[in-house]
Amino acid sequence: MSLIDIFTNTRQASQTRRLQTEFEYSTGRDVRGAAKAQRVAENVGELNLLMLVTMRALLDKGVVTYEDLGRYFAQIDAIDGKADGKITLEDVRNALGLRAPASP
C-alpha cells in the first residue's frame, strides 16, 4: 500500500466515523445540523479528491517522489508543534504568508 493510500484511507475513515457520529447525534434533533454535517462530508470528499489528483499528477510527472511526500507530510504536520495528522486553517495561512479575510 502506498503512502498516498495510507494517508487517504486513514484520514477519510477517521473523518467518516466522526461525521457519522455527528449525523447520528443530530438525527431527529436538529435538521439544520444534519444538513450542515452533510455539506461538511461532501466538502471533505471533494478536498480528498483534489488532494489525491494533485499528488498523483505530481508523482506521475516526476515532480516529487513518495519519499518527498512523506518528508513534506512530516514537516508540514509539525508546523503547529504536534505530529497529529492535522493542521488548522490559520497555520496554513501563516505557512503560506497569507492573512485571514477581514471580518465584516
C-alpha atoms as a PDB file:
ATOM      1  CA  MET A   1       0.000   0.000   0.000  1.00  0.00           C
ATOM      2  CA  SER A   2       1.415   3.377  -0.964  1.00  0.00           C
ATOM      3  CA  LEU A   3       1.905   6.401   1.262  1.00  0.00           C
ATOM      4  CA  ILE A   4      -0.942   8.142  -0.550  1.00  0.00           C
ATOM      5  CA  ASP A   5      -3.283   5.207   0.032  1.00  0.00           C
ATOM      6  CA  ILE A   6      -2.387   5.009   3.704  1.00  0.00           C
ATOM      7  CA  PHE A   7      -2.849   8.750   4.206  1.00  0.00           C
ATOM      8  CA  THR A   8      -6.088   8.930   2.243  1.00  0.00           C
ATOM      9  CA  ASN A   9      -7.659   5.831   3.780  1.00  0.00           C
ATOM     10  CA  THR A  10      -6.712   6.749   7.340  1.00  0.00           C
ATOM     11  CA  ARG A  11      -7.872  10.348   7.132  1.00  0.00           C
ATOM     12  CA  GLN A  12     -11.053   9.534   5.253  1.00  0.00           C
ATOM     13  CA  ALA A  13     -12.004   6.698   7.615  1.00  0.00           C
ATOM     14  CA  SER A  14     -11.434   8.923  10.634  1.00  0.00           C
ATOM     15  CA  GLN A  15     -13.443  11.781   9.184  1.00  0.00           C
ATOM     16  CA  THR A  16     -16.221   9.478   8.044  1.00  0.00           C
ATOM     17  CA  ARG A  17     -16.546   7.940  11.534  1.00  0.00           C
ATOM     18  CA  ARG A  18     -16.643  11.401  13.124  1.00  0.00           C
ATOM     19  CA  LEU A  19     -19.226  12.686  10.666  1.00  0.00           C
ATOM     20  CA  GLN A  20     -21.349   9.544  11.076  1.00  0.00           C
ATOM     21  CA  THR A  21     -21.356  10.078  14.837  1.00  0.00           C
ATOM     22  CA  GLU A  22     -22.365  13.705  14.352  1.00  0.00           C
ATOM     23  CA  PHE A  23     -25.080  12.618  11.925  1.00  0.00           C
ATOM     24  CA  GLU A  24     -26.459  10.021  14.318  1.00  0.00           C
ATOM     25  CA  TYR A  25     -26.486  12.527  17.153  1.00  0.00           C
ATOM     26  CA  SER A  26     -28.283  15.174  15.152  1.00  0.00           C
ATOM     27  CA  THR A  27     -30.844  12.879  13.516  1.00  0.00           C
ATOM     28  CA  GLY A  28     -34.285  13.911  14.643  1.00  0.00           C
ATOM     29  CA  ARG A  29     -32.932  16.664  16.862  1.00  0.00           C
ATOM     30  CA  ASP A  30     -31.564  19.308  14.545  1.00  0.00           C
ATOM     31  CA  VAL A  31     -32.285  19.178  10.827  1.00  0.00           C
ATOM     32  CA  ARG A  32     -30.031  22.177  10.167  1.00  0.00           C
ATOM     33  CA  GLY A  33     -27.177  20.459  11.984  1.00  0.00           C
ATOM     34  CA  ALA A  34     -27.653  17.305   9.909  1.00  0.00           C
ATOM     35  CA  ALA A  35     -27.672  19.340   6.697  1.00  0.00           C
ATOM     36  CA  LYS A  36     -24.518  21.147   7.787  1.00  0.00           C
ATOM     37  CA  ALA A  37     -22.804  17.846   8.617  1.00  0.00           C
ATOM     38  CA  GLN A  38     -23.786  16.542   5.172  1.00  0.00           C
ATOM     39  CA  ARG A  39     -22.247  19.610   3.491  1.00  0.00           C
ATOM     40  CA  VAL A  40     -19.079  19.156   5.535  1.00  0.00           C
ATOM     41  CA  ALA A  41     -18.899  15.494   4.490  1.00  0.00           C
ATOM     42  CA  GLU A  42     -19.294  16.490   0.843  1.00  0.00           C
ATOM     43  CA  ASN A  43     -16.608  19.172   1.175  1.00  0.00           C
ATOM     44  CA  VAL A  44     -14.212  16.690   2.785  1.00  0.00           C
ATOM     45  CA  GLY A  45     -14.808  14.270  -0.070  1.00  0.00           C
ATOM     46  CA  GLU A  46     -14.120  16.960  -2.654  1.00  0.00           C
ATOM     47  CA  LEU A  47     -10.956  18.064  -0.861  1.00  0.00           C
ATOM     48  CA  ASN A  48      -9.744  14.459  -0.601  1.00  0.00           C
ATOM     49  CA  LEU A  49     -10.266  14.049  -4.340  1.00  0.00           C
ATOM     50  CA  LEU A  50      -8.482  17.308  -5.152  1.00  0.00           C
ATOM     51  CA  MET A  51      -5.561  16.380  -2.891  1.00  0.00           C
ATOM     52  CA  LEU A  52      -5.233  12.932  -4.422  1.00  0.00           C
ATOM     53  CA  VAL A  53      -5.446  14.234  -8.014  1.00  0.00           C
ATOM     54  CA  THR A  54      -2.746  16.810  -7.245  1.00  0.00           C
ATOM     55  CA  MET A  55      -0.460  14.266  -5.592  1.00  0.00           C
ATOM     56  CA  ARG A  56      -0.980  11.723  -8.379  1.00  0.00           C
ATOM     57  CA  ALA A  57      -0.188  14.314 -11.066  1.00  0.00           C
ATOM     58  CA  LEU A  58       2.986  15.410  -9.260  1.00  0.00           C
ATOM     59  CA  LEU A  59       4.097  11.797  -8.819  1.00  0.00           C
ATOM     60  CA  ASP A  60       3.277  10.779 -12.397  1.00  0.00           C
ATOM     61  CA  LYS A  61       5.149  13.775 -13.816  1.00  0.00           C
ATOM     62  CA  GLY A  62       8.173  13.025 -11.636  1.00  0.00           C
ATOM     63  CA  VAL A  63       7.956  16.347  -9.819  1.00  0.00           C
ATOM     64  CA  VAL A  64       8.044  14.585  -6.429  1.00  0.00           C
ATOM     65  CA  THR A  65       8.659  11.073  -5.134  1.00  0.00           C
ATOM     66  CA  TYR A  66       6.815   9.106  -2.458  1.00  0.00           C
ATOM     67  CA  GLU A  67       9.761   9.828  -0.167  1.00  0.00           C
ATOM     68  CA  ASP A  68       9.395  13.566  -0.850  1.00  0.00           C
ATOM     69  CA  LEU A  69       5.716  13.419   0.023  1.00  0.00           C
ATOM     70  CA  GLY A  70       6.428  11.566   3.254  1.00  0.00           C
ATOM     71  CA  ARG A  71       9.040  14.140   4.224  1.00  0.00           C
ATOM     72  CA  TYR A  72       6.753  17.069   3.342  1.00  0.00           C
ATOM     73  CA  PHE A  73       3.899  15.481   5.251  1.00  0.00           C
ATOM     74  CA  ALA A  74       6.019  15.140   8.394  1.00  0.00           C
ATOM     75  CA  GLN A  75       7.443  18.667   8.092  1.00  0.00           C
ATOM     76  CA  ILE A  76       4.115  20.341   7.475  1.00  0.00           C
ATOM     77  CA  ASP A  77       2.318  18.286  10.119  1.00  0.00           C
ATOM     78  CA  ALA A  78       4.857  19.560  12.665  1.00  0.00           C
ATOM     79  CA  ILE A  79       4.235  23.251  11.857  1.00  0.00           C
ATOM     80  CA  ASP A  80       1.846  23.542  14.795  1.00  0.00           C
ATOM     81  CA  GLY A  81       4.217  21.684  17.111  1.00  0.00           C
ATOM     82  CA  LYS A  82       2.124  18.482  17.103  1.00  0.00           C
ATOM     83  CA  ALA A  83       2.628  15.487  14.814  1.00  0.00           C
ATOM     84  CA  ASP A  84      -1.066  14.591  14.824  1.00  0.00           C
ATOM     85  CA  GLY A  85      -2.044  14.464  11.143  1.00  0.00           C
ATOM     86  CA  LYS A  86      -3.948  17.750  11.385  1.00  0.00           C
ATOM     87  CA  ILE A  87      -3.353  21.408  10.646  1.00  0.00           C
ATOM     88  CA  THR A  88      -5.557  24.435  11.195  1.00  0.00           C
ATOM     89  CA  LEU A  89      -6.558  26.904   8.524  1.00  0.00           C
ATOM     90  CA  GLU A  90      -4.692  29.581  10.483  1.00  0.00           C
ATOM     91  CA  ASP A  91      -1.478  27.513  10.341  1.00  0.00           C
ATOM     92  CA  VAL A  92      -1.938  27.016   6.581  1.00  0.00           C
ATOM     93  CA  ARG A  93      -2.362  30.757   6.075  1.00  0.00           C
ATOM     94  CA  ASN A  94       0.683  31.504   8.222  1.00  0.00           C
ATOM     95  CA  ALA A  95       2.808  28.932   6.366  1.00  0.00           C
ATOM     96  CA  LEU A  96       1.822  30.498   3.040  1.00  0.00           C
ATOM     97  CA  GLY A  97       2.233  34.081   4.313  1.00  0.00           C
ATOM     98  CA  LEU A  98      -1.456  34.851   3.851  1.00  0.00           C
ATOM     99  CA  ARG A  99      -3.715  36.935   6.041  1.00  0.00           C
ATOM    100  CA  ALA A 100      -7.138  35.879   7.222  1.00  0.00           C
ATOM    101  CA  PRO A 101     -10.025  37.663   5.476  1.00  0.00           C
ATOM    102  CA  ALA A 102     -11.232  40.817   7.189  1.00  0.00           C
ATOM    103  CA  SER A 103     -14.282  40.393   9.403  1.00  0.00           C
ATOM    104  CA  PRO A 104     -17.442  42.037   8.062  1.00  0.00           C
END
